[in-house]
C-alpha cells in the first residue's frame, strides 16, 4: 500500500493520511482511488473506529453507534463502486 499511496510511516494518524491520500490524483502514477465526497463520508467512520479502539464499550453513546451504523450501507455502496472503477483503470506493468 505504501508504494501506491506514498505513505511509509505508521506513526499516529497514518489511517487518516492514507484515507486523504486516496482522494489525490497523482498524474503519471495513479488516478484518485476515492472521491473527496467518499473520503468525507468515511472520516466519521474512521473517527468512530479510533474511539471504539481506545475506549471501553460502556463509554460509547448508543445513539451515536446507531447513527454511524446507519451510514455504513450507503457509504459501502459508493466506495465499492469507486474501488471497482479504480481497479478497472489499473494496468499491469512488466
Protein backbone atom coordinates (compact mmCIF):
# COMPACT_ATOMS: atom_id res chain seq x y z
CA UNK A 1 0.00 0.00 0.00
CA UNK A 2 2.81 2.42 0.82
CA UNK A 3 4.17 2.10 -2.70
CA UNK A 4 0.79 3.02 -4.18
CA UNK A 5 -0.01 5.91 -1.88
CA UNK A 6 3.44 7.15 -0.96
CA UNK A 7 2.93 6.82 2.81
CA UNK A 8 5.60 4.91 4.62
CA UNK A 9 5.04 5.96 8.22
CA UNK A 10 2.86 4.10 10.65
CA UNK A 11 3.01 6.98 13.10
CA UNK A 12 -0.11 8.45 14.65
CA UNK A 13 -2.65 9.45 12.08
CA UNK A 14 -1.49 7.17 9.28
CA UNK A 15 -5.03 5.86 8.71
CA UNK A 16 -6.30 9.39 8.20
CA UNK A 17 -3.39 10.29 5.91
CA UNK A 18 -3.96 7.15 3.88
CA UNK A 19 -7.66 7.96 3.55
CA UNK A 20 -6.94 11.54 2.49
CA UNK A 21 -4.22 10.45 0.05
CA UNK A 22 -6.66 8.04 -1.57
CA UNK A 23 -8.57 11.06 -2.92
CA UNK A 24 -5.49 12.51 -4.60
CA UNK A 25 -4.94 12.15 -8.32
CA UNK A 26 -1.21 11.58 -8.87
CA UNK A 27 -0.54 12.39 -12.55
CA UNK A 28 1.58 9.78 -14.23
CA UNK A 29 1.21 7.42 -11.27
CA UNK A 30 -2.45 6.77 -10.50
CA UNK A 31 -5.87 8.32 -10.54
CA UNK A 32 -7.67 9.04 -7.29
CA UNK A 33 -8.88 5.85 -5.62
CA UNK A 34 -11.81 7.52 -3.86
CA UNK A 35 -13.69 10.74 -4.42
CA UNK A 36 -13.38 13.59 -1.95
CA UNK A 37 -17.05 13.01 -1.11
CA UNK A 38 -16.35 9.38 -0.18
CA UNK A 39 -13.42 10.42 1.97
CA UNK A 40 -15.65 12.94 3.77
CA UNK A 41 -18.23 10.18 4.26
CA UNK A 42 -15.64 7.76 5.64
CA UNK A 43 -13.96 10.24 8.02
CA UNK A 44 -16.66 9.88 10.73
CA UNK A 45 -16.33 6.08 10.48
CA UNK A 46 -12.57 6.39 10.92
CA UNK A 47 -13.03 8.64 13.93
CA UNK A 48 -15.58 6.21 15.39
CA UNK A 49 -13.21 3.28 14.86
CA UNK A 50 -10.49 5.20 16.68
CA UNK A 51 -12.86 5.93 19.56
CA UNK A 52 -14.01 2.30 19.83
CA UNK A 53 -10.43 1.01 19.81
CA UNK A 54 -9.39 3.44 22.54
CA UNK A 55 -12.38 3.33 24.89
CA UNK A 56 -14.30 0.66 26.69
CA UNK A 57 -17.66 -0.27 25.16
CA UNK A 58 -19.61 1.10 28.15
CA UNK A 59 -18.34 4.60 27.33
CA UNK A 60 -19.96 4.61 23.89
CA UNK A 61 -23.06 6.64 23.14
CA UNK A 62 -25.69 4.18 21.90
CA UNK A 63 -27.43 6.78 19.73
CA UNK A 64 -24.13 7.62 18.04
CA UNK A 65 -23.40 3.93 17.42
CA UNK A 66 -26.78 3.56 15.69
CA UNK A 67 -26.23 6.78 13.71
CA UNK A 68 -22.83 5.60 12.47
CA UNK A 69 -24.13 2.11 11.69
CA UNK A 70 -26.90 3.54 9.53
CA UNK A 71 -24.35 5.31 7.29
CA UNK A 72 -22.39 2.15 6.50
CA UNK A 73 -24.59 0.53 3.81
CA UNK A 74 -24.84 3.69 1.70
CA UNK A 75 -21.18 4.52 2.18
CA UNK A 76 -20.15 1.00 1.23
CA UNK A 77 -22.22 1.09 -1.97
CA UNK A 78 -20.46 4.25 -3.17
CA UNK A 79 -16.97 3.25 -2.01
CA UNK A 80 -17.32 -0.21 -3.58
CA UNK A 81 -18.28 1.33 -6.92
CA UNK A 82 -15.29 3.70 -6.74
CA UNK A 83 -12.92 0.83 -5.91
CA UNK A 84 -14.25 -1.17 -8.86
CA UNK A 85 -13.79 1.86 -11.11
CA UNK A 86 -10.23 2.35 -9.82
CA UNK A 87 -9.30 -1.29 -10.30
CA UNK A 88 -10.71 -1.26 -13.83
CA UNK A 89 -8.27 1.53 -14.66
CA UNK A 90 -5.20 -0.35 -13.43
CA UNK A 91 -2.68 -1.68 -15.91
CA UNK A 92 -0.10 -4.39 -15.38
CA UNK A 93 3.44 -3.17 -15.97
CA UNK A 94 6.27 -5.54 -16.54
